[in-house]
C-alpha cells in the first residue's frame, strides 16, 4: 500500500514541477490547507473543528458550495 501511495505522490510532484498552471493551483490549495490548519489549531475543541473542516471540504467536492 505504501508503495502505491509513494508512486502517486511522486507522479503528482513531477506533474507539478513540469506544469506552471498546476504549480499555481497547488500553491492555492496549499494556502487553503494552511488556513484550515490554523483555524483548527486555534480552537479549543480541535476534533470538532477538524470535523467541520472535513465536512466543508466534502461539500465543496460534491459541489454543494
N, C-alpha and C. Protein backbone atom coordinates (compact mmCIF):
# COMPACT_ATOMS: atom_id res chain seq x y z
N UNK A 1 0.83 -1.19 0.00
CA UNK A 1 0.00 0.00 0.00
C UNK A 1 0.87 1.25 0.00
N UNK A 2 1.91 1.26 0.84
CA UNK A 2 2.79 2.41 0.91
C UNK A 2 3.47 2.66 -0.43
N UNK A 3 3.83 1.57 -1.12
CA UNK A 3 4.48 1.68 -2.42
C UNK A 3 3.58 2.42 -3.41
N UNK A 4 2.30 2.08 -3.41
CA UNK A 4 1.35 2.72 -4.30
C UNK A 4 1.21 4.22 -3.98
N UNK A 5 1.08 4.54 -2.70
CA UNK A 5 0.97 5.95 -2.30
C UNK A 5 2.22 6.74 -2.65
N UNK A 6 3.37 6.10 -2.48
CA UNK A 6 4.63 6.78 -2.82
C UNK A 6 4.71 7.08 -4.31
N UNK A 7 4.27 6.13 -5.14
CA UNK A 7 4.28 6.36 -6.59
C UNK A 7 3.29 7.45 -6.99
N UNK A 8 2.14 7.49 -6.35
CA UNK A 8 1.17 8.54 -6.64
C UNK A 8 1.74 9.90 -6.26
N UNK A 9 2.38 9.98 -5.09
CA UNK A 9 2.98 11.24 -4.65
C UNK A 9 4.10 11.66 -5.61
N UNK A 10 4.89 10.73 -6.06
CA UNK A 10 5.98 11.05 -7.00
C UNK A 10 5.41 11.55 -8.32
N UNK A 11 4.36 10.92 -8.82
CA UNK A 11 3.73 11.35 -10.06
C UNK A 11 3.18 12.77 -9.91
N UNK A 12 2.52 13.03 -8.79
CA UNK A 12 1.96 14.36 -8.55
C UNK A 12 3.06 15.41 -8.48
N UNK A 13 4.16 15.09 -7.82
CA UNK A 13 5.28 16.04 -7.72
C UNK A 13 5.88 16.31 -9.09
N UNK A 14 6.02 15.30 -9.92
CA UNK A 14 6.56 15.50 -11.26
C UNK A 14 5.61 16.35 -12.10
N UNK A 15 4.33 16.11 -11.96
CA UNK A 15 3.33 16.88 -12.70
C UNK A 15 3.38 18.35 -12.29
N UNK A 16 3.48 18.59 -11.00
CA UNK A 16 3.56 19.97 -10.50
C UNK A 16 4.83 20.66 -10.98
N UNK A 17 5.92 19.93 -11.01
CA UNK A 17 7.19 20.52 -11.40
C UNK A 17 7.22 20.90 -12.88
N UNK A 18 6.45 20.19 -13.69
CA UNK A 18 6.53 20.42 -15.13
C UNK A 18 5.47 21.37 -15.67
N UNK A 19 4.42 21.62 -14.91
CA UNK A 19 3.30 22.43 -15.42
C UNK A 19 3.11 23.67 -14.56
N UNK A 20 3.32 24.87 -15.13
CA UNK A 20 3.18 26.10 -14.34
C UNK A 20 1.76 26.31 -13.80
N UNK A 21 0.74 25.93 -14.58
CA UNK A 21 -0.64 26.08 -14.10
C UNK A 21 -0.91 25.16 -12.92
N UNK A 22 -0.37 23.95 -12.98
CA UNK A 22 -0.54 23.01 -11.87
C UNK A 22 0.17 23.52 -10.62
N UNK A 23 1.36 24.12 -10.80
CA UNK A 23 2.08 24.69 -9.65
C UNK A 23 1.27 25.80 -9.00
N UNK A 24 0.66 26.64 -9.82
CA UNK A 24 -0.15 27.74 -9.30
C UNK A 24 -1.36 27.21 -8.54
N UNK A 25 -2.01 26.21 -9.09
CA UNK A 25 -3.18 25.61 -8.44
C UNK A 25 -2.76 24.94 -7.12
N UNK A 26 -1.63 24.26 -7.12
CA UNK A 26 -1.15 23.60 -5.91
C UNK A 26 -0.83 24.62 -4.83
N UNK A 27 -0.29 25.76 -5.22
CA UNK A 27 0.02 26.81 -4.25
C UNK A 27 -1.26 27.35 -3.62
N UNK A 28 -2.31 27.53 -4.43
CA UNK A 28 -3.59 28.00 -3.89
C UNK A 28 -4.19 26.98 -2.92
N UNK A 29 -4.12 25.72 -3.30
CA UNK A 29 -4.65 24.66 -2.43
C UNK A 29 -3.86 24.61 -1.13
N UNK A 30 -2.55 24.75 -1.22
CA UNK A 30 -1.72 24.73 -0.01
C UNK A 30 -2.08 25.87 0.93
N UNK A 31 -2.37 27.04 0.37
CA UNK A 31 -2.77 28.18 1.22
C UNK A 31 -4.08 27.89 1.94
N UNK A 32 -5.02 27.28 1.25
CA UNK A 32 -6.30 26.93 1.87
C UNK A 32 -6.09 25.91 2.99
N UNK A 33 -5.24 24.93 2.73
CA UNK A 33 -4.97 23.90 3.74
C UNK A 33 -4.31 24.52 4.97
N UNK A 34 -3.39 25.43 4.76
CA UNK A 34 -2.73 26.10 5.88
C UNK A 34 -3.72 26.94 6.68
N UNK A 35 -4.61 27.64 5.98
CA UNK A 35 -5.63 28.42 6.68
C UNK A 35 -6.54 27.53 7.52
N UNK A 36 -6.94 26.39 6.97
CA UNK A 36 -7.78 25.45 7.72
C UNK A 36 -7.01 24.91 8.94
N UNK A 37 -5.74 24.61 8.76
CA UNK A 37 -4.94 24.09 9.87
C UNK A 37 -4.80 25.13 10.98
N UNK A 38 -4.63 26.39 10.59
CA UNK A 38 -4.57 27.46 11.60
C UNK A 38 -5.89 27.59 12.34
N UNK A 39 -6.98 27.48 11.60
CA UNK A 39 -8.30 27.57 12.20
C UNK A 39 -8.50 26.44 13.22
N UNK A 40 -8.10 25.24 12.85
CA UNK A 40 -8.24 24.08 13.75
C UNK A 40 -7.35 24.26 14.97
N UNK A 41 -6.13 24.75 14.78
CA UNK A 41 -5.18 24.89 15.88
C UNK A 41 -5.64 25.92 16.90
N UNK A 42 -6.39 26.93 16.46
CA UNK A 42 -6.85 27.98 17.37
C UNK A 42 -8.03 27.55 18.22
N UNK A 43 -8.75 26.54 17.81
CA UNK A 43 -9.95 26.12 18.51
C UNK A 43 -9.62 25.30 19.74
N UNK A 44 -10.49 25.42 20.74
CA UNK A 44 -10.31 24.62 21.96
C UNK A 44 -10.65 23.16 21.69
N UNK A 45 -11.74 22.92 20.96
CA UNK A 45 -12.15 21.57 20.60
C UNK A 45 -11.63 21.27 19.20
N UNK A 46 -10.42 20.78 19.12
CA UNK A 46 -9.75 20.58 17.84
C UNK A 46 -10.41 19.48 17.00
N UNK A 47 -10.93 18.46 17.66
CA UNK A 47 -11.59 17.38 16.93
C UNK A 47 -12.83 17.89 16.21
N UNK A 48 -13.61 18.70 16.88
CA UNK A 48 -14.82 19.25 16.26
C UNK A 48 -14.46 20.18 15.11
N UNK A 49 -13.44 21.01 15.30
CA UNK A 49 -13.01 21.92 14.24
C UNK A 49 -12.50 21.14 13.03
N UNK A 50 -11.79 20.06 13.28
CA UNK A 50 -11.29 19.23 12.18
C UNK A 50 -12.45 18.57 11.45
N UNK A 51 -13.43 18.11 12.19
CA UNK A 51 -14.61 17.50 11.57
C UNK A 51 -15.37 18.49 10.70
N UNK A 52 -15.51 19.70 11.18
CA UNK A 52 -16.19 20.73 10.40
C UNK A 52 -15.40 21.08 9.14
N UNK A 53 -14.08 21.14 9.26
CA UNK A 53 -13.25 21.43 8.10
C UNK A 53 -13.38 20.32 7.06
N UNK A 54 -13.42 19.08 7.53
CA UNK A 54 -13.59 17.95 6.63
C UNK A 54 -14.95 18.01 5.95
N UNK A 55 -15.98 18.37 6.70
CA UNK A 55 -17.32 18.48 6.12
C UNK A 55 -17.36 19.58 5.06
N UNK A 56 -16.71 20.71 5.32
CA UNK A 56 -16.66 21.78 4.31
C UNK A 56 -15.97 21.29 3.04
N UNK A 57 -14.89 20.56 3.21
CA UNK A 57 -14.16 20.04 2.05
C UNK A 57 -15.01 19.03 1.27
N UNK A 58 -15.71 18.16 1.98
CA UNK A 58 -16.56 17.18 1.32
C UNK A 58 -17.69 17.86 0.55
N UNK A 59 -18.30 18.87 1.17
CA UNK A 59 -19.37 19.60 0.49
C UNK A 59 -18.84 20.30 -0.76
N UNK A 60 -17.65 20.84 -0.66
CA UNK A 60 -17.07 21.53 -1.82
C UNK A 60 -16.79 20.54 -2.95
N UNK A 61 -16.29 19.36 -2.60
CA UNK A 61 -16.02 18.34 -3.61
C UNK A 61 -17.30 17.84 -4.27
N UNK A 62 -18.37 17.78 -3.51
CA UNK A 62 -19.65 17.30 -4.04
C UNK A 62 -20.37 18.40 -4.80
N UNK A 63 -19.91 19.62 -4.70
CA UNK A 63 -20.50 20.72 -5.43
C UNK A 63 -21.64 21.41 -4.72
N UNK A 64 -21.80 21.15 -3.42
CA UNK A 64 -22.86 21.80 -2.67
C UNK A 64 -22.59 23.27 -2.46
N UNK A 65 -21.31 23.64 -2.35
CA UNK A 65 -20.94 25.02 -2.11
C UNK A 65 -19.66 25.34 -2.79
